[in-house]
Amino acid sequence: HKEDVALTYAPEPAYSLVLYINQPTDADGNARMRALTRALIDVTIKHGGRFFLPYQLHYTARELLASYPELPAFLAAKRQYDPTELFSSTFYRAIKALSGVA
Protein backbone atom coordinates (compact mmCIF):
# COMPACT_ATOMS: atom_id res chain seq x y z
CA HIS A 1 0.00 0.00 0.00
CA LYS A 2 3.00 2.34 -0.32
CA GLU A 3 1.16 4.37 -2.96
CA ASP A 4 -1.26 5.46 -0.21
CA VAL A 5 1.48 6.92 2.00
CA ALA A 6 2.45 10.54 1.40
CA LEU A 7 5.73 10.67 3.34
CA THR A 8 6.97 7.12 3.74
CA TYR A 9 10.40 6.49 5.19
CA ALA A 10 10.59 3.21 3.24
CA PRO A 11 9.44 3.68 -0.38
CA GLU A 12 11.05 0.36 -1.30
CA PRO A 13 11.49 -2.85 0.69
CA ALA A 14 14.07 -2.01 3.33
CA TYR A 15 15.45 -2.74 6.73
CA SER A 16 15.05 -0.21 9.49
CA LEU A 17 17.14 0.42 12.54
CA VAL A 18 15.75 2.22 15.56
CA LEU A 19 18.05 3.56 18.24
CA TYR A 20 16.82 4.50 21.68
CA ILE A 21 19.61 6.50 23.26
CA ASN A 22 19.51 7.71 26.83
CA GLN A 23 21.01 11.18 26.73
CA PRO A 24 21.47 14.07 29.14
CA THR A 25 18.79 16.68 28.47
CA ASP A 26 20.94 19.69 29.26
CA ALA A 27 22.26 22.03 26.54
CA ASP A 28 25.46 20.02 26.07
CA GLY A 29 23.59 16.71 25.85
CA ASN A 30 21.16 18.13 23.31
CA ALA A 31 24.00 19.60 21.22
CA ARG A 32 25.84 16.27 21.22
CA MET A 33 22.66 14.40 20.25
CA ARG A 34 22.00 16.89 17.44
CA ALA A 35 25.51 16.31 16.05
CA LEU A 36 25.18 12.52 16.32
CA THR A 37 21.74 12.54 14.70
CA ARG A 38 22.96 14.64 11.77
CA ALA A 39 25.98 12.39 11.27
CA LEU A 40 23.77 9.28 11.25
CA ILE A 41 21.32 10.92 8.84
CA ASP A 42 24.15 11.90 6.50
CA VAL A 43 25.47 8.31 6.43
CA THR A 44 21.94 7.06 5.79
CA ILE A 45 21.43 9.47 2.88
CA LYS A 46 24.87 8.64 1.46
CA HIS A 47 23.81 4.99 1.23
CA GLY A 48 20.45 5.75 -0.40
CA GLY A 49 18.38 5.47 2.75
CA ARG A 50 15.93 7.70 4.54
CA PHE A 51 15.50 8.62 8.14
CA PHE A 52 12.26 8.38 10.06
CA LEU A 53 10.83 11.80 10.89
CA PRO A 54 11.45 11.95 14.63
CA TYR A 55 9.94 14.46 17.00
CA GLN A 56 13.39 15.91 17.69
CA LEU A 57 14.07 18.28 14.80
CA HIS A 58 17.83 17.71 14.70
CA TYR A 59 17.97 17.41 10.91
CA THR A 60 18.70 20.19 8.43
CA ALA A 61 16.57 21.39 5.54
CA ARG A 62 19.02 19.72 3.14
CA GLU A 63 18.71 16.40 4.98
CA LEU A 64 14.92 16.68 5.15
CA LEU A 65 14.51 17.35 1.42
CA ALA A 66 17.13 14.74 0.44
CA SER A 67 15.22 12.07 2.35
CA TYR A 68 11.74 13.32 1.52
CA PRO A 69 11.84 14.90 -1.96
CA GLU A 70 8.04 14.53 -2.10
CA LEU A 71 7.63 16.94 0.85
CA PRO A 72 6.93 20.02 -1.32
CA ALA A 73 4.15 18.11 -3.14
CA PHE A 74 2.75 16.95 0.21
CA LEU A 75 2.72 20.53 1.51
CA ALA A 76 1.08 21.75 -1.71
CA ALA A 77 -1.68 19.15 -1.32
CA LYS A 78 -2.08 20.15 2.31
CA ARG A 79 -2.55 23.78 1.22
CA GLN A 80 -5.05 22.70 -1.44
CA TYR A 81 -7.22 20.65 0.91
CA ASP A 82 -6.71 22.76 4.04
CA PRO A 83 -6.08 26.33 2.85
CA THR A 84 -6.84 27.84 6.26
CA GLU A 85 -4.63 25.28 8.03
CA LEU A 86 -7.42 24.19 10.33
CA PHE A 87 -5.53 20.93 10.85
CA SER A 88 -2.08 21.75 12.13
CA SER A 89 0.49 20.77 14.71
CA THR A 90 3.81 21.96 16.03
CA PHE A 91 5.51 19.22 13.99
CA TYR A 92 3.71 20.27 10.77
CA ARG A 93 4.64 23.92 11.28
CA ALA A 94 8.26 22.95 11.95
CA ILE A 95 8.74 20.82 8.83
CA LYS A 96 6.90 23.41 6.75
CA ALA A 97 9.25 26.15 7.98
CA LEU A 98 12.34 23.95 7.65
CA SER A 99 11.44 22.93 4.09
CA GLY A 100 11.24 26.56 2.99
CA VAL A 101 7.88 25.91 1.33
CA ALA A 102 5.33 28.56 2.25
PDB file of N, CA and C in Angstrom:
ATOM      1  N   HIS A   1       0.803  -1.194   0.000  1.00  0.00           N
ATOM      2  CA  HIS A   1       0.000   0.000   0.000  1.00  0.00           C
ATOM      3  C   HIS A   1       0.850   1.263   0.000  1.00  0.00           C
ATOM      4  N   LYS A   2       2.125   1.171  -0.398  1.00  0.00           N
ATOM      5  CA  LYS A   2       3.005   2.336  -0.321  1.00  0.00           C
ATOM      6  C   LYS A   2       2.510   3.512  -1.153  1.00  0.00           C
ATOM      7  N   GLU A   3       1.685   3.255  -2.163  1.00  0.00           N
ATOM      8  CA  GLU A   3       1.161   4.366  -2.961  1.00  0.00           C
ATOM      9  C   GLU A   3       0.160   5.207  -2.175  1.00  0.00           C
ATOM     10  N   ASP A   4      -0.311   4.715  -1.049  1.00  0.00           N
ATOM     11  CA  ASP A   4      -1.255   5.455  -0.213  1.00  0.00           C
ATOM     12  C   ASP A   4      -0.569   6.303   0.853  1.00  0.00           C
ATOM     13  N   VAL A   5       0.741   6.233   0.949  1.00  0.00           N
ATOM     14  CA  VAL A   5       1.478   6.923   2.001  1.00  0.00           C
ATOM     15  C   VAL A   5       2.177   8.135   1.404  1.00  0.00           C
ATOM     16  N   ALA A   6       1.903   9.303   1.960  1.00  0.00           N
ATOM     17  CA  ALA A   6       2.451  10.540   1.398  1.00  0.00           C
ATOM     18  C   ALA A   6       3.926  10.730   1.721  1.00  0.00           C
ATOM     19  N   LEU A   7       4.337  10.442   2.930  1.00  0.00           N
ATOM     20  CA  LEU A   7       5.725  10.667   3.343  1.00  0.00           C
ATOM     21  C   LEU A   7       6.289   9.406   3.995  1.00  0.00           C
ATOM     22  N   THR A   8       6.474   8.379   3.195  1.00  0.00           N
ATOM     23  CA  THR A   8       6.973   7.119   3.739  1.00  0.00           C
ATOM     24  C   THR A   8       8.485   7.171   3.937  1.00  0.00           C
ATOM     25  N   TYR A   9       8.950   6.576   4.998  1.00  0.00           N
ATOM     26  CA  TYR A   9      10.395   6.488   5.194  1.00  0.00           C
ATOM     27  C   TYR A   9      10.975   5.270   4.482  1.00  0.00           C
ATOM     28  N   ALA A  10      10.126   4.408   3.938  1.00  0.00           N
ATOM     29  CA  ALA A  10      10.590   3.213   3.236  1.00  0.00           C
ATOM     30  C   ALA A  10       9.806   3.040   1.939  1.00  0.00           C
ATOM     31  N   PRO A  11      10.176   3.789   0.883  1.00  0.00           N
ATOM     32  CA  PRO A  11       9.442   3.676  -0.376  1.00  0.00           C
ATOM     33  C   PRO A  11       9.689   2.360  -1.107  1.00  0.00           C
ATOM     34  N   GLU A  12      10.721   1.663  -0.733  1.00  0.00           N
ATOM     35  CA  GLU A  12      11.052   0.356  -1.300  1.00  0.00           C
ATOM     36  C   GLU A  12      11.234  -0.611  -0.133  1.00  0.00           C
ATOM     37  N   PRO A  13      11.205  -1.912  -0.400  1.00  0.00           N
ATOM     38  CA  PRO A  13      11.487  -2.847   0.691  1.00  0.00           C
ATOM     39  C   PRO A  13      12.838  -2.499   1.332  1.00  0.00           C
ATOM     40  N   ALA A  14      12.860  -2.465   2.639  1.00  0.00           N
ATOM     41  CA  ALA A  14      14.069  -2.011   3.325  1.00  0.00           C
ATOM     42  C   ALA A  14      14.119  -2.562   4.739  1.00  0.00           C
ATOM     43  N   TYR A  15      15.276  -2.456   5.315  1.00  0.00           N
ATOM     44  CA  TYR A  15      15.454  -2.737   6.731  1.00  0.00           C
ATOM     45  C   TYR A  15      15.427  -1.407   7.458  1.00  0.00           C
ATOM     46  N   SER A  16      14.991  -1.433   8.689  1.00  0.00           N
ATOM     47  CA  SER A  16      15.055  -0.211   9.488  1.00  0.00           C
ATOM     48  C   SER A  16      15.781  -0.508  10.789  1.00  0.00           C
ATOM     49  N   LEU A  17      16.396   0.515  11.295  1.00  0.00           N
ATOM     50  CA  LEU A  17      17.135   0.424  12.540  1.00  0.00           C
ATOM     51  C   LEU A  17      16.650   1.556  13.427  1.00  0.00           C
ATOM     52  N   VAL A  18      16.226   1.220  14.612  1.00  0.00           N
ATOM     53  CA  VAL A  18      15.748   2.221  15.561  1.00  0.00           C
ATOM     54  C   VAL A  18      16.697   2.232  16.748  1.00  0.00           C
ATOM     55  N   LEU A  19      17.165   3.412  17.084  1.00  0.00           N
ATOM     56  CA  LEU A  19      18.049   3.563  18.237  1.00  0.00           C
ATOM     57  C   LEU A  19      17.323   4.331  19.330  1.00  0.00           C
ATOM     58  N   TYR A  20      17.331   3.787  20.504  1.00  0.00           N
ATOM     59  CA  TYR A  20      16.819   4.495  21.675  1.00  0.00           C
ATOM     60  C   TYR A  20      18.030   4.823  22.541  1.00  0.00           C
ATOM     61  N   ILE A  21      18.390   6.079  22.572  1.00  0.00           N
ATOM     62  CA  ILE A  21      19.608   6.498  23.256  1.00  0.00           C
ATOM     63  C   ILE A  21      19.234   7.347  24.461  1.00  0.00           C
ATOM     64  N   ASN A  22      19.714   6.942  25.618  1.00  0.00           N
ATOM     65  CA  ASN A  22      19.510   7.711  26.835  1.00  0.00           C
ATOM     66  C   ASN A  22      20.553   8.824  26.852  1.00  0.00           C
ATOM     67  N   GLN A  23      20.100  10.048  26.822  1.00  0.00           N
ATOM     68  CA  GLN A  23      21.010  11.181  26.727  1.00  0.00           C
ATOM     69  C   GLN A  23      20.718  12.193  27.825  1.00  0.00           C
ATOM     70  N   PRO A  24      21.733  12.948  28.228  1.00  0.00           N
ATOM     71  CA  PRO A  24      21.465  14.068  29.136  1.00  0.00           C
ATOM     72  C   PRO A  24      20.599  15.099  28.406  1.00  0.00           C
ATOM     73  N   THR A  25      19.696  15.723  29.118  1.00  0.00           N
ATOM     74  CA  THR A  25      18.788  16.685  28.472  1.00  0.00           C
ATOM     75  C   THR A  25      19.208  18.128  28.709  1.00  0.00           C
ATOM     76  N   ASP A  26      20.445  18.326  29.130  1.00  0.00           N
ATOM     77  CA  ASP A  26      20.944  19.693  29.262  1.00  0.00           C
ATOM     78  C   ASP A  26      21.416  20.189  27.896  1.00  0.00           C
ATOM     79  N   ALA A  27      21.859  21.430  27.826  1.00  0.00           N
ATOM     80  CA  ALA A  27      22.255  22.030  26.544  1.00  0.00           C
ATOM     81  C   ALA A  27      23.367  21.229  25.870  1.00  0.00           C
ATOM     82  N   ASP A  28      24.360  20.789  26.646  1.00  0.00           N
ATOM     83  CA  ASP A  28      25.459  20.016  26.066  1.00  0.00           C
ATOM     84  C   ASP A  28      24.970  18.667  25.540  1.00  0.00           C
ATOM     85  N   GLY A  29      24.134  17.991  26.297  1.00  0.00           N
ATOM     86  CA  GLY A  29      23.588  16.706  25.854  1.00  0.00           C
ATOM     87  C   GLY A  29      22.770  16.851  24.589  1.00  0.00           C
ATOM     88  N   ASN A  30      21.960  17.889  24.516  1.00  0.00           N
ATOM     89  CA  ASN A  30      21.157  18.131  23.312  1.00  0.00           C
ATOM     90  C   ASN A  30      22.037  18.460  22.115  1.00  0.00           C
ATOM     91  N   ALA A  31      23.087  19.252  22.326  1.00  0.00           N
ATOM     92  CA  ALA A  31      23.995  19.595  21.223  1.00  0.00           C
ATOM     93  C   ALA A  31      24.717  18.350  20.713  1.00  0.00           C
ATOM     94  N   ARG A  32      25.155  17.496  21.630  1.00  0.00           N
ATOM     95  CA  ARG A  32      25.836  16.267  21.215  1.00  0.00           C
ATOM     96  C   ARG A  32      24.888  15.331  20.476  1.00  0.00           C
ATOM     97  N   MET A  33      23.635  15.249  20.932  1.00  0.00           N
ATOM     98  CA  MET A  33      22.655  14.396  20.248  1.00  0.00           C
ATOM     99  C   MET A  33      22.336  14.949  18.866  1.00  0.00           C
ATOM    100  N   ARG A  34      22.249  16.268  18.741  1.00  0.00           N
ATOM    101  CA  ARG A  34      21.996  16.891  17.438  1.00  0.00           C
ATOM    102  C   ARG A  34      23.119  16.527  16.461  1.00  0.00           C
ATOM    103  N   ALA A  35      24.365  16.635  16.916  1.00  0.00           N
ATOM    104  CA  ALA A  35      25.507  16.311  16.054  1.00  0.00           C
ATOM    105  C   ALA A  35      25.499  14.835  15.664  1.00  0.00           C
ATOM    106  N   LEU A  36      25.236  13.952  16.617  1.00  0.00           N
ATOM    107  CA  LEU A  36      25.179  12.517  16.321  1.00  0.00           C
ATOM    108  C   LEU A  36      24.053  12.205  15.345  1.00  0.00           C
ATOM    109  N   THR A  37      22.883  12.785  15.583  1.00  0.00           N
ATOM    110  CA  THR A  37      21.737  12.536  14.702  1.00  0.00           C
ATOM    111  C   THR A  37      22.050  12.971  13.281  1.00  0.00           C
ATOM    112  N   ARG A  38      22.623  14.153  13.123  1.00  0.00           N
ATOM    113  CA  ARG A  38      22.955  14.639  11.773  1.00  0.00           C
ATOM    114  C   ARG A  38      23.991  13.749  11.106  1.00  0.00           C
ATOM    115  N   ALA A  39      24.976  13.287  11.854  1.00  0.00           N
ATOM    116  CA  ALA A  39      25.983  12.392  11.273  1.00  0.00           C
ATOM    117  C   ALA A  39      25.340  11.083  10.819  1.00  0.00           C
ATOM    118  N   LEU A  40      24.455  10.520  11.631  1.00  0.00           N
ATOM    119  CA  LEU A  40      23.770   9.280  11.251  1.00  0.00           C
ATOM    120  C   LEU A  40      22.861   9.489  10.042  1.00  0.00           C
ATOM    121  N   ILE A  41      22.178  10.620   9.996  1.00  0.00           N
ATOM    122  CA  ILE A  41      21.319  10.921   8.844  1.00  0.00           C
ATOM    123  C   ILE A  41      22.156  11.052   7.582  1.00  0.00           C
ATOM    124  N   ASP A  42      23.294  11.735   7.678  1.00  0.00           N
ATOM    125  CA  ASP A  42      24.147  11.903   6.496  1.00  0.00           C
ATOM    126  C   ASP A  42      24.652  10.560   5.972  1.00  0.00           C
ATOM    127  N   VAL A  43      25.035   9.651   6.855  1.00  0.00           N
ATOM    128  CA  VAL A  43      25.468   8.311   6.434  1.00  0.00           C
ATOM    129  C   VAL A  43      24.309   7.579   5.770  1.00  0.00           C
ATOM    130  N   THR A  44      23.132   7.707   6.345  1.00  0.00           N
ATOM    131  CA  THR A  44      21.944   7.059   5.789  1.00  0.00           C
ATOM    132  C   THR A  44      21.653   7.563   4.380  1.00  0.00           C
ATOM    133  N   ILE A  45      21.681   8.878   4.197  1.00  0.00           N
ATOM    134  CA  ILE A  45      21.428   9.472   2.877  1.00  0.00           C
ATOM    135  C   ILE A  45      22.504   9.040   1.883  1.00  0.00           C
ATOM    136  N   LYS A  46      23.756   9.033   2.329  1.00  0.00           N
ATOM    137  CA  LYS A  46      24.872   8.637   1.459  1.00  0.00           C
ATOM    138  C   LYS A  46      24.670   7.236   0.893  1.00  0.00           C
ATOM    139  N   HIS A  47      24.027   6.376   1.660  1.00  0.00           N
ATOM    140  CA  HIS A  47      23.805   4.995   1.229  1.00  0.00           C
ATOM    141  C   HIS A  47      22.413   4.771   0.653  1.00  0.00           C
ATOM    142  N   GLY A  48      21.742   5.865   0.275  1.00  0.00           N
ATOM    143  CA  GLY A  48      20.454   5.754  -0.401  1.00  0.00           C
ATOM    144  C   GLY A  48      19.271   5.505   0.512  1.00  0.00           C
ATOM    145  N   GLY A  49      19.465   5.697   1.798  1.00  0.00           N
ATOM    146  CA  GLY A  49      18.379   5.469   2.747  1.00  0.00           C
ATOM    147  C   GLY A  49      17.658   6.745   3.131  1.00  0.00           C
ATOM    148  N   ARG A  50      16.703   6.586   3.994  1.00  0.00           N
ATOM    149  CA  ARG A  50      15.931   7.699   4.539  1.00  0.00           C
ATOM    150  C   ARG A  50      15.898   7.562   6.048  1.00  0.00           C
ATOM    151  N   PHE A  51      15.666   8.668   6.696  1.00  0.00           N
ATOM    152  CA  PHE A  51      15.497   8.621   8.144  1.00  0.00           C
ATOM    153  C   PHE A  51      14.033   8.824   8.482  1.00  0.00           C
ATOM    154  N   PHE A  52      13.612   8.215   9.570  1.00  0.00           N
ATOM    155  CA  PHE A  52      12.255   8.375  10.064  1.00  0.00           C
ATOM    156  C   PHE A  52      12.134   9.781  10.642  1.00  0.00           C
ATOM    157  N   LEU A  53      11.015  10.433  10.388  1.00  0.00           N
ATOM    158  CA  LEU A  53      10.825  11.797  10.891  1.00  0.00           C
ATOM    159  C   LEU A  53      10.568  11.764  12.400  1.00  0.00           C
ATOM    160  N   PRO A  54      11.616  11.988  13.185  1.00  0.00           N
ATOM    161  CA  PRO A  54      11.446  11.953  14.634  1.00  0.00           C
ATOM    162  C   PRO A  54      10.891  13.274  15.162  1.00  0.00           C
ATOM    163  N   TYR A  55      10.475  13.237  16.407  1.00  0.00           N
ATOM    164  CA  TYR A  55       9.942  14.456  16.995  1.00  0.00           C
ATOM    165  C   TYR A  55      11.043  15.453  17.318  1.00  0.00           C
ATOM    166  N   GLN A  56      12.276  14.983  17.498  1.00  0.00           N
ATOM    167  CA  GLN A  56      13.391  15.912  17.685  1.00  0.00           C
ATOM    168  C   GLN A  56      13.812  16.414  16.311  1.00  0.00           C
ATOM    169  N   LEU A  57      13.781  17.699  16.122  1.00  0.00           N
ATOM    170  CA  LEU A  57      14.067  18.275  14.801  1.00  0.00           C
ATOM    171  C   LEU A  57      15.556  18.575  14.658  1.00  0.00           C
ATOM    172  N   HIS A  58      16.379  17.539  14.767  1.00  0.00           N
ATOM    173  CA  HIS A  58      17.827  17.711  14.697  1.00  0.00           C
ATOM    174  C   HIS A  58      18.366  17.656  13.274  1.00  0.00           C
ATOM    175  N   TYR A  59      17.520  17.502  12.296  1.00  0.00           N
ATOM    176  CA  TYR A  59      17.969  17.415  10.914  1.00  0.00           C
ATOM    177  C   TYR A  59      17.895  18.791  10.259  1.00  0.00           C
ATOM    178  N   THR A  60      18.664  18.924   9.170  1.00  0.00           N
ATOM    179  CA  THR A  60      18.705  20.186   8.433  1.00  0.00           C
ATOM    180  C   THR A  60      17.688  20.153   7.293  1.00  0.00           C
ATOM    181  N   ALA A  61      17.467  21.317   6.699  1.00  0.00           N
ATOM    182  CA  ALA A  61      16.574  21.394   5.536  1.00  0.00           C
ATOM    183  C   ALA A  61      17.109  20.522   4.401  1.00  0.00           C
ATOM    184  N   ARG A  62      18.416  20.536   4.197  1.00  0.00           N
ATOM    185  CA  ARG A  62      19.020  19.717   3.140  1.00  0.00           C
ATOM    186  C   ARG A  62      18.754  18.237   3.399  1.00  0.00           C
ATOM    187  N   GLU A  63      18.941  17.809   4.637  1.00  0.00           N
ATOM    188  CA  GLU A  63      18.714  16.401   4.978  1.00  0.00           C
ATOM    189  C   GLU A  63      17.238  16.029   4.830  1.00  0.00           C
ATOM    190  N   LEU A  64      16.361  16.927   5.251  1.00  0.00           N
ATOM    191  CA  LEU A  64      14.923  16.681   5.148  1.00  0.00           C
ATOM    192  C   LEU A  64      14.505  16.496   3.696  1.00  0.00           C
ATOM    193  N   LEU A  65      14.925  17.413   2.830  1.00  0.00           N
ATOM    194  CA  LEU A  65      14.508  17.346   1.425  1.00  0.00           C
ATOM    195  C   LEU A  65      15.222  16.234   0.659  1.00  0.00           C
ATOM    196  N   ALA A  66      16.435  15.870   1.078  1.00  0.00           N
ATOM    197  CA  ALA A  66      17.129  14.743   0.440  1.00  0.00           C
ATOM    198  C   ALA A  66      16.418  13.429   0.755  1.00  0.00           C
ATOM    199  N   SER A  67      15.917  13.303   1.960  1.00  0.00           N
ATOM    200  CA  SER A  67      15.224  12.074   2.351  1.00  0.00           C
ATOM    201  C   SER A  67      13.767  12.057   1.937  1.00  0.00           C
ATOM    202  N   TYR A  68      13.168  13.220   1.856  1.00  0.00           N
ATOM    203  CA  TYR A  68      11.740  13.322   1.525  1.00  0.00           C
ATOM    204  C   TYR A  68      11.537  14.316   0.379  1.00  0.00           C
ATOM    205  N   PRO A  69      11.988  13.971  -0.837  1.00  0.00           N
ATOM    206  CA  PRO A  69      11.836  14.896  -1.962  1.00  0.00           C
ATOM    207  C   PRO A  69      10.377  15.173  -2.309  1.00  0.00           C
ATOM    208  N   GLU A  70       9.469  14.321  -1.837  1.00  0.00           N
ATOM    209  CA  GLU A  70       8.044  14.535  -2.096  1.00  0.00           C
ATOM    210  C   GLU A  70       7.408  15.500  -1.096  1.00  0.00           C
ATOM    211  N   LEU A  71       8.182  16.031  -0.155  1.00  0.00           N
ATOM    212  CA  LEU A  71       7.630  16.939   0.850  1.00  0.00           C
ATOM    213  C   LEU A  71       6.988  18.183   0.244  1.00  0.00           C
ATOM    214  N   PRO A  72       7.611  18.862  -0.729  1.00  0.00           N
ATOM    215  CA  PRO A  72       6.931  20.021  -1.318  1.00  0.00           C
ATOM    216  C   PRO A  72       5.567  19.674  -1.918  1.00  0.00           C
ATOM    217  N   ALA A  73       5.447  18.521  -2.580  1.00  0.00           N
ATOM    218  CA  ALA A  73       4.151  18.110  -3.139  1.00  0.00           C
ATOM    219  C   ALA A  73       3.151  17.817  -2.023  1.00  0.00           C
ATOM    220  N   PHE A  74       3.618  17.205  -0.940  1.00  0.00           N
ATOM    221  CA  PHE A  74       2.748  16.952   0.208  1.00  0.00           C
ATOM    222  C   PHE A  74       2.232  18.271   0.784  1.00  0.00           C
ATOM    223  N   LEU A  75       3.130  19.237   0.955  1.00  0.00           N
ATOM    224  CA  LEU A  75       2.722  20.529   1.513  1.00  0.00           C
ATOM    225  C   LEU A  75       1.779  21.270   0.566  1.00  0.00           C
ATOM    226  N   ALA A  76       1.994  21.132  -0.738  1.00  0.00           N
ATOM    227  CA  ALA A  76       1.079  21.751  -1.711  1.00  0.00           C
ATOM    228  C   ALA A  76      -0.311  21.129  -1.612  1.00  0.00           C
ATOM    229  N   ALA A  77      -0.381  19.817  -1.479  1.00  0.00           N
ATOM    230  CA  ALA A  77      -1.679  19.149  -1.322  1.00  0.00           C
ATOM    231  C   ALA A  77      -2.338  19.563  -0.015  1.00  0.00           C
ATOM    232  N   LYS A  78      -1.546  19.693   1.016  1.00  0.00           N
ATOM    233  CA  LYS A  78      -2.084  20.148   2.310  1.00  0.00           C
ATOM    234  C   LYS A  78      -2.702  21.535   2.158  1.00  0.00           C
ATOM    235  N   ARG A  79      -2.005  22.432   1.460  1.00  0.00           N
ATOM    236  CA  ARG A  79      -2.549  23.784   1.218  1.00  0.00           C
ATOM    237  C   ARG A  79      -3.832  23.722   0.402  1.00  0.00           C
ATOM    238  N   GLN A  80      -3.872  22.820  -0.587  1.00  0.00           N
ATOM    239  CA  GLN A  80      -5.053  22.702  -1.444  1.00  0.00           C
ATOM    240  C   GLN A  80      -6.269  22.240  -0.650  1.00  0.00           C
ATOM    241  N   TYR A  81      -6.093  21.230   0.186  1.00  0.00           N
ATOM    242  CA  TYR A  81      -7.224  20.650   0.907  1.00  0.00           C
ATOM    243  C   TYR A  81      -7.500  21.314   2.261  1.00  0.00           C
ATOM    244  N   ASP A  82      -6.553  22.081   2.747  1.00  0.00           N
ATOM    245  CA  ASP A  82      -6.711  22.755   4.040  1.00  0.00           C
ATOM    246  C   ASP A  82      -6.110  24.157   3.952  1.00  0.00           C
ATOM    247  N   PRO A  83      -6.679  25.021   3.099  1.00  0.00           N
ATOM    248  CA  PRO A  83      -6.075  26.333   2.854  1.00  0.00           C
ATOM    249  C   PRO A  83      -6.008  27.229   4.091  1.00  0.00           C
ATOM    250  N   THR A  84      -6.881  27.025   5.046  1.00  0.00           N
ATOM    251  CA  THR A  84      -6.841  27.844   6.264  1.00  0.00           C
ATOM    252  C   THR A  84      -6.028  27.185   7.375  1.00  0.00           C
ATOM    253  N   GLU A  85      -5.441  26.045   7.077  1.00  0.00           N
ATOM    254  CA  GLU A  85      -4.628  25.281   8.030  1.00  0.00           C
ATOM    255  C   GLU A  85      -5.372  25.014   9.334  1.00  0.00           C
ATOM    256  N   LEU A  86      -6.616  24.592   9.179  1.00  0.00           N
ATOM    257  CA  LEU A  86      -7.416  24.194  10.331  1.00  0.00           C
ATOM    258  C   LEU A  86      -6.751  23.022  11.061  1.00  0.00           C
ATOM    259  N   PHE A  87      -6.218  22.089  10.283  1.00  0.00           N
ATOM    260  CA  PHE A  87      -5.535  20.931  10.854  1.00  0.00           C
ATOM    261  C   PHE A  87      -4.039  21.215  10.852  1.00  0.00           C
ATOM    262  N   SER A  88      -3.477  21.374  12.008  1.00  0.00           N
ATOM    263  CA  SER A  88      -2.078  21.752  12.126  1.00  0.00           C
ATOM    264  C   SER A  88      -1.495  21.165  13.406  1.00  0.00           C
ATOM    265  N   SER A  89      -0.200  21.219  13.499  1.00  0.00           N
ATOM    266  CA  SER A  89       0.495  20.770  14.705  1.00  0.00           C
ATOM    267  C   SER A  89       1.841  21.473  14.759  1.00  0.00           C
ATOM    268  N   THR A  90       2.468  21.389  15.895  1.00  0.00           N
ATOM    269  CA  THR A  90       3.810  21.958  16.032  1.00  0.00           C
ATOM    270  C   THR A  90       4.761  21.282  15.053  1.00  0.00           C
ATOM    271  N   PHE A  91       4.648  19.962  14.910  1.00  0.00           N
ATOM    272  CA  PHE A  91       5.506  19.218  13.989  1.00  0.00           C
ATOM    273  C   PHE A  91       5.280  19.680  12.552  1.00  0.00           C
ATOM    274  N   TYR A  92       4.025  19.807  12.128  1.00  0.00           N
ATOM    275  CA  TYR A  92       3.713  20.267  10.774  1.00  0.00           C
ATOM    276  C   TYR A  92       4.311  21.648  10.530  1.00  0.00           C
ATOM    277  N   ARG A  93       4.116  22.567  11.454  1.00  0.00           N
ATOM    278  CA  ARG A  93       4.644  23.922  11.279  1.00  0.00           C
ATOM    279  C   ARG A  93       6.167  23.910  11.199  1.00  0.00           C
ATOM    280  N   ALA A  94       6.798  23.032  11.961  1.00  0.00           N
ATOM    281  CA  ALA A  94       8.259  22.952  11.954  1.00  0.00           C
ATOM    282  C   ALA A  94       8.789  22.427  10.626  1.00  0.00           C
ATOM    283  N   ILE A  95       8.217  21.335  10.098  1.00  0.00           N
ATOM    284  CA  ILE A  95       8.740  20.819   8.826  1.00  0.00           C
ATOM    285  C   ILE A  95       8.386  21.750   7.674  1.00  0.00           C
ATOM    286  N   LYS A  96       7.269  22.427   7.768  1.00  0.00           N
ATOM    287  CA  LYS A  96       6.903  23.411   6.748  1.00  0.00           C
ATOM    288  C   LYS A  96       7.929  24.542   6.736  1.00  0.00           C
ATOM    289  N   ALA A  97       8.266  25.066   7.898  1.00  0.00           N
ATOM    290  CA  ALA A  97       9.251  26.145   7.985  1.00  0.00           C
ATOM    291  C   ALA A  97      10.629  25.668   7.543  1.00  0.00           C
ATOM    292  N   LEU A  98      11.023  24.491   7.984  1.00  0.00           N
ATOM    293  CA  LEU A  98      12.337  23.954   7.647  1.00  0.00           C
ATOM    294  C   LEU A  98      12.467  23.690   6.157  1.00  0.00           C
ATOM    295  N   SER A  99      11.388  23.264   5.522  1.00  0.00           N
ATOM    296  CA  SER A  99      11.436  22.933   4.095  1.00  0.00           C
ATOM    297  C   SER A  99      11.551  24.172   3.222  1.00  0.00           C
ATOM    298  N   GLY A 100      11.194  25.329   3.769  1.00  0.00           N
ATOM    299  CA  GLY A 100      11.237  26.562   2.986  1.00  0.00           C
ATOM    300  C   GLY A 100      10.055  26.720   2.058  1.00  0.00           C
ATOM    301  N   VAL A 101       9.075  25.850   2.166  1.00  0.00           N
ATOM    302  CA  VAL A 101       7.880  25.914   1.330  1.00  0.00           C
ATOM    303  C   VAL A 101       6.809  26.660   2.106  1.00  0.00           C
ATOM    304  N   ALA A 102       6.339  27.750   1.531  1.00  0.00           N
ATOM    305  CA  ALA A 102       5.331  28.560   2.246  1.00  0.00           C
ATOM    306  C   ALA A 102       3.935  28.042   1.988  1.00  0.00           C
TER     307      ALA A 102
END
